[in-house]
Amino acid sequence: MATRPPLFTIGYEQVSSSAVLDTLSAAGVELLVDVRAVAASRRAGFSKSLLAAGVASRDIGYLHLRGLGTPAEGRQAARSGHYDELRRIYNAHLATPTAQEQLDELTELVKAGRKVCLLCFERHPEHCHRQMIADLICERVDVKVEHLAAPPV
């Protein structure tokens, strides 16, 4: 059986959209999966439509899995540096039917061998729910995780 490509993750905190696009292209990413509950950003180029257009210009697909986003109270915990609280809130969220359906959808994309990258805001994956998603995918699929980091501005 062929080895699957890694599951990539990336955060856009402190980076430009062009740096993220360059990093995704260099890694050979085929599909960017936006795992934000709200795909809007004050950072230029990271709102849903602009991000989708940006990755499309690099021949990368875009998929927003809103159901895998962090609930508002989890985002607040992360902003406050309460990462244990974030994990508790997000684990409870993952038990919801929508989150389970979208986790299954993501699992199938990774199983199919697509070069998938999870995107969220936080630069450091250990401070973000995308690490938790990646860990769950690793439990379901024989794949390793590679955290990408675009150069900061």
C-alpha atoms as a PDB file:
ATOM      1  CA  MET A   1       0.000   0.000   0.000  1.00  0.00           C
ATOM      2  CA  ALA A   2       1.319   3.432  -0.937  1.00  0.00           C
ATOM      3  CA  THR A   3       2.205   5.838   1.829  1.00  0.00           C
ATOM      4  CA  ARG A   4      -0.279   8.666   2.237  1.00  0.00           C
ATOM      5  CA  PRO A   5       0.951  12.248   2.170  1.00  0.00           C
ATOM      6  CA  PRO A   6       1.062  14.000   5.539  1.00  0.00           C
ATOM      7  CA  LEU A   7      -1.884  15.955   6.868  1.00  0.00           C
ATOM      8  CA  PHE A   8      -0.670  19.542   6.898  1.00  0.00           C
ATOM      9  CA  THR A   9      -1.814  22.321   9.206  1.00  0.00           C
ATOM     10  CA  ILE A  10      -1.119  26.047   9.086  1.00  0.00           C
ATOM     11  CA  GLY A  11      -2.034  29.129  11.094  1.00  0.00           C
ATOM     12  CA  TYR A  12      -2.101  32.621   9.649  1.00  0.00           C
ATOM     13  CA  GLU A  13      -1.354  34.633  12.799  1.00  0.00           C
ATOM     14  CA  GLN A  14       1.437  37.165  12.125  1.00  0.00           C
ATOM     15  CA  VAL A  15       1.768  36.262   8.435  1.00  0.00           C
ATOM     16  CA  SER A  16       0.652  37.696   5.097  1.00  0.00           C
ATOM     17  CA  SER A  17      -1.731  35.915   2.779  1.00  0.00           C
ATOM     18  CA  SER A  18       0.958  35.722   0.076  1.00  0.00           C
ATOM     19  CA  ALA A  19       3.322  34.004   2.533  1.00  0.00           C
ATOM     20  CA  VAL A  20       0.631  31.438   3.397  1.00  0.00           C
ATOM     21  CA  LEU A  21      -0.108  30.841  -0.294  1.00  0.00           C
ATOM     22  CA  ASP A  22       3.617  30.438  -1.034  1.00  0.00           C
ATOM     23  CA  THR A  23       3.972  27.962   1.857  1.00  0.00           C
ATOM     24  CA  LEU A  24       0.958  25.922   0.726  1.00  0.00           C
ATOM     25  CA  SER A  25       2.235  25.816  -2.859  1.00  0.00           C
ATOM     26  CA  ALA A  26       5.742  24.806  -1.788  1.00  0.00           C
ATOM     27  CA  ALA A  27       4.297  21.913   0.263  1.00  0.00           C
ATOM     28  CA  GLY A  28       2.206  20.720  -2.689  1.00  0.00           C
ATOM     29  CA  VAL A  29      -1.101  21.181  -0.859  1.00  0.00           C
ATOM     30  CA  GLU A  30      -4.117  20.238  -3.023  1.00  0.00           C
ATOM     31  CA  LEU A  31      -6.956  21.202  -0.678  1.00  0.00           C
ATOM     32  CA  LEU A  32      -7.081  23.849   2.027  1.00  0.00           C
ATOM     33  CA  VAL A  33      -9.662  22.977   4.679  1.00  0.00           C
ATOM     34  CA  ASP A  34     -10.719  26.018   6.664  1.00  0.00           C
ATOM     35  CA  VAL A  35     -11.654  24.838  10.171  1.00  0.00           C
ATOM     36  CA  ARG A  36     -12.727  28.222  11.533  1.00  0.00           C
ATOM     37  CA  ALA A  37     -16.265  28.585  12.864  1.00  0.00           C
ATOM     38  CA  VAL A  38     -16.348  32.059  11.318  1.00  0.00           C
ATOM     39  CA  ALA A  39     -14.438  32.331   8.049  1.00  0.00           C
ATOM     40  CA  ALA A  40     -13.928  36.060   8.368  1.00  0.00           C
ATOM     41  CA  SER A  41     -10.800  37.933   9.331  1.00  0.00           C
ATOM     42  CA  ARG A  42      -9.514  41.445   9.777  1.00  0.00           C
ATOM     43  CA  ARG A  43      -6.259  40.218   8.258  1.00  0.00           C
ATOM     44  CA  ALA A  44      -6.122  40.973   4.545  1.00  0.00           C
ATOM     45  CA  GLY A  45      -6.721  37.948   2.341  1.00  0.00           C
ATOM     46  CA  PHE A  46      -8.081  35.603   5.010  1.00  0.00           C
ATOM     47  CA  SER A  47     -11.838  36.113   4.741  1.00  0.00           C
ATOM     48  CA  LYS A  48     -13.564  33.177   3.083  1.00  0.00           C
ATOM     49  CA  SER A  49     -14.059  34.551  -0.453  1.00  0.00           C
ATOM     50  CA  LEU A  50     -10.610  36.164  -0.684  1.00  0.00           C
ATOM     51  CA  LEU A  51      -8.913  33.085   0.751  1.00  0.00           C
ATOM     52  CA  ALA A  52     -10.779  30.777  -1.639  1.00  0.00           C
ATOM     53  CA  ALA A  53      -9.798  32.990  -4.588  1.00  0.00           C
ATOM     54  CA  GLY A  54      -6.194  33.141  -3.414  1.00  0.00           C
ATOM     55  CA  VAL A  55      -5.782  29.381  -3.138  1.00  0.00           C
ATOM     56  CA  ALA A  56      -7.646  28.864  -6.438  1.00  0.00           C
ATOM     57  CA  SER A  57      -5.019  31.093  -8.115  1.00  0.00           C
ATOM     58  CA  ARG A  58      -2.475  28.488  -6.967  1.00  0.00           C
ATOM     59  CA  ASP A  59      -4.585  25.522  -8.178  1.00  0.00           C
ATOM     60  CA  ILE A  60      -5.476  24.594  -4.611  1.00  0.00           C
ATOM     61  CA  GLY A  61      -9.041  23.735  -3.657  1.00  0.00           C
ATOM     62  CA  TYR A  62     -10.867  25.310  -0.727  1.00  0.00           C
ATOM     63  CA  LEU A  63     -13.355  23.737   1.662  1.00  0.00           C
ATOM     64  CA  HIS A  64     -14.877  25.417   4.705  1.00  0.00           C
ATOM     65  CA  LEU A  65     -15.855  22.919   7.412  1.00  0.00           C
ATOM     66  CA  ARG A  66     -17.579  25.346   9.766  1.00  0.00           C
ATOM     67  CA  GLY A  67     -18.776  22.487  11.981  1.00  0.00           C
ATOM     68  CA  LEU A  68     -15.157  21.815  12.961  1.00  0.00           C
ATOM     69  CA  GLY A  69     -14.671  25.393  14.119  1.00  0.00           C
ATOM     70  CA  THR A  70     -14.268  26.340  17.756  1.00  0.00           C
ATOM     71  CA  PRO A  71     -17.357  27.670  19.561  1.00  0.00           C
ATOM     72  CA  ALA A  72     -17.176  31.308  20.718  1.00  0.00           C
ATOM     73  CA  GLU A  73     -16.325  30.394  24.313  1.00  0.00           C
ATOM     74  CA  GLY A  74     -13.450  28.218  23.069  1.00  0.00           C
ATOM     75  CA  ARG A  75     -12.073  31.062  20.954  1.00  0.00           C
ATOM     76  CA  GLN A  76     -12.228  33.317  24.012  1.00  0.00           C
ATOM     77  CA  ALA A  77     -10.351  30.725  26.086  1.00  0.00           C
ATOM     78  CA  ALA A  78      -7.649  30.514  23.410  1.00  0.00           C
ATOM     79  CA  ARG A  79      -7.307  34.317  23.212  1.00  0.00           C
ATOM     80  CA  SER A  80      -6.937  34.383  27.010  1.00  0.00           C
ATOM     81  CA  GLY A  81      -4.256  31.682  26.967  1.00  0.00           C
ATOM     82  CA  HIS A  82      -6.499  29.135  28.741  1.00  0.00           C
ATOM     83  CA  TYR A  83      -5.594  26.212  26.490  1.00  0.00           C
ATOM     84  CA  ASP A  84      -6.868  23.495  28.853  1.00  0.00           C
ATOM     85  CA  GLU A  85     -10.244  25.248  28.820  1.00  0.00           C
ATOM     86  CA  LEU A  86     -10.113  25.442  25.018  1.00  0.00           C
ATOM     87  CA  ARG A  87      -9.496  21.685  24.847  1.00  0.00           C
ATOM     88  CA  ARG A  88     -12.369  20.947  27.241  1.00  0.00           C
ATOM     89  CA  ILE A  89     -14.804  23.115  25.277  1.00  0.00           C
ATOM     90  CA  TYR A  90     -13.666  21.783  21.926  1.00  0.00           C
ATOM     91  CA  ASN A  91     -13.844  18.147  23.017  1.00  0.00           C
ATOM     92  CA  ALA A  92     -17.470  18.719  24.004  1.00  0.00           C
ATOM     93  CA  HIS A  93     -18.114  20.389  20.643  1.00  0.00           C
ATOM     94  CA  LEU A  94     -16.636  17.417  18.778  1.00  0.00           C
ATOM     95  CA  ALA A  95     -19.421  15.229  20.191  1.00  0.00           C
ATOM     96  CA  THR A  96     -22.058  17.185  18.229  1.00  0.00           C
ATOM     97  CA  PRO A  97     -23.586  15.518  15.150  1.00  0.00           C
ATOM     98  CA  THR A  98     -22.393  18.280  12.796  1.00  0.00           C
ATOM     99  CA  ALA A  99     -18.808  18.063  14.032  1.00  0.00           C
ATOM    100  CA  GLN A 100     -18.879  14.263  13.735  1.00  0.00           C
ATOM    101  CA  GLU A 101     -20.240  14.443  10.155  1.00  0.00           C
ATOM    102  CA  GLN A 102     -17.588  16.929   9.105  1.00  0.00           C
ATOM    103  CA  LEU A 103     -14.832  14.976  10.848  1.00  0.00           C
ATOM    104  CA  ASP A 104     -15.974  11.938   8.845  1.00  0.00           C
ATOM    105  CA  GLU A 105     -15.877  14.023   5.647  1.00  0.00           C
ATOM    106  CA  LEU A 106     -12.342  15.194   6.427  1.00  0.00           C
ATOM    107  CA  THR A 107     -11.280  11.641   7.273  1.00  0.00           C
ATOM    108  CA  GLU A 108     -12.447  10.429   3.855  1.00  0.00           C
ATOM    109  CA  LEU A 109     -10.509  13.184   2.077  1.00  0.00           C
ATOM    110  CA  VAL A 110      -7.324  12.228   3.907  1.00  0.00           C
ATOM    111  CA  LYS A 111      -7.940   8.482   3.363  1.00  0.00           C
ATOM    112  CA  ALA A 112      -8.259   9.170  -0.364  1.00  0.00           C
ATOM    113  CA  GLY A 113      -4.665  10.449  -0.366  1.00  0.00           C
ATOM    114  CA  ARG A 114      -5.431  14.122  -0.953  1.00  0.00           C
ATOM    115  CA  LYS A 115      -2.757  16.572   0.171  1.00  0.00           C
ATOM    116  CA  VAL A 116      -4.929  18.354   2.719  1.00  0.00           C
ATOM    117  CA  CYS A 117      -3.997  21.299   4.929  1.00  0.00           C
ATOM    118  CA  LEU A 118      -6.075  22.485   7.901  1.00  0.00           C
ATOM    119  CA  LEU A 119      -6.149  26.260   8.353  1.00  0.00           C
ATOM    120  CA  CYS A 120      -6.965  28.292  11.427  1.00  0.00           C
ATOM    121  CA  PHE A 121      -5.687  31.518  12.985  1.00  0.00           C
ATOM    122  CA  GLU A 122      -3.245  30.541  15.744  1.00  0.00           C
ATOM    123  CA  ARG A 123       0.381  30.337  14.660  1.00  0.00           C
ATOM    124  CA  HIS A 124       1.275  27.581  17.129  1.00  0.00           C
ATOM    125  CA  PRO A 125      -0.742  24.385  16.625  1.00  0.00           C
ATOM    126  CA  GLU A 126      -0.502  23.428  20.298  1.00  0.00           C
ATOM    127  CA  HIS A 127      -2.601  26.525  21.047  1.00  0.00           C
ATOM    128  CA  CYS A 128      -5.233  25.679  18.428  1.00  0.00           C
ATOM    129  CA  HIS A 129      -8.036  23.212  17.917  1.00  0.00           C
ATOM    130  CA  ARG A 130      -6.529  22.190  14.554  1.00  0.00           C
ATOM    131  CA  GLN A 131      -3.995  20.103  16.515  1.00  0.00           C
ATOM    132  CA  MET A 132      -6.897  18.252  18.131  1.00  0.00           C
ATOM    133  CA  ILE A 133      -8.479  17.646  14.719  1.00  0.00           C
ATOM    134  CA  ALA A 134      -5.151  16.428  13.334  1.00  0.00           C
ATOM    135  CA  ASP A 135      -4.730  14.041  16.281  1.00  0.00           C
ATOM    136  CA  LEU A 136      -8.187  12.578  15.646  1.00  0.00           C
ATOM    137  CA  ILE A 137      -7.452  12.105  11.950  1.00  0.00           C
ATOM    138  CA  CYS A 138      -4.208  10.326  12.859  1.00  0.00           C
ATOM    139  CA  GLU A 139      -6.197   7.926  15.041  1.00  0.00           C
ATOM    140  CA  ARG A 140      -8.500   7.157  12.108  1.00  0.00           C
ATOM    141  CA  VAL A 141      -5.997   7.124   9.239  1.00  0.00           C
ATOM    142  CA  ASP A 142      -2.378   6.013   9.045  1.00  0.00           C
ATOM    143  CA  VAL A 143      -0.988   9.463   8.353  1.00  0.00           C
ATOM    144  CA  LYS A 144       1.497  11.781   9.971  1.00  0.00           C
ATOM    145  CA  VAL A 145       0.956  15.466  10.662  1.00  0.00           C
ATOM    146  CA  GLU A 146       3.221  18.202   9.381  1.00  0.00           C
ATOM    147  CA  HIS A 147       2.714  21.706  10.738  1.00  0.00           C
ATOM    148  CA  LEU A 148       3.564  24.369   8.183  1.00  0.00           C
ATOM    149  CA  ALA A 149       4.633  27.848   9.236  1.00  0.00           C
ATOM    150  CA  ALA A 150       4.811  30.766   6.841  1.00  0.00           C
ATOM    151  CA  PRO A 151       7.466  33.377   7.620  1.00  0.00           C
ATOM    152  CA  PRO A 152       6.065  36.101   9.925  1.00  0.00           C
ATOM    153  CA  VAL A 153       5.667  39.683   8.736  1.00  0.00           C
END
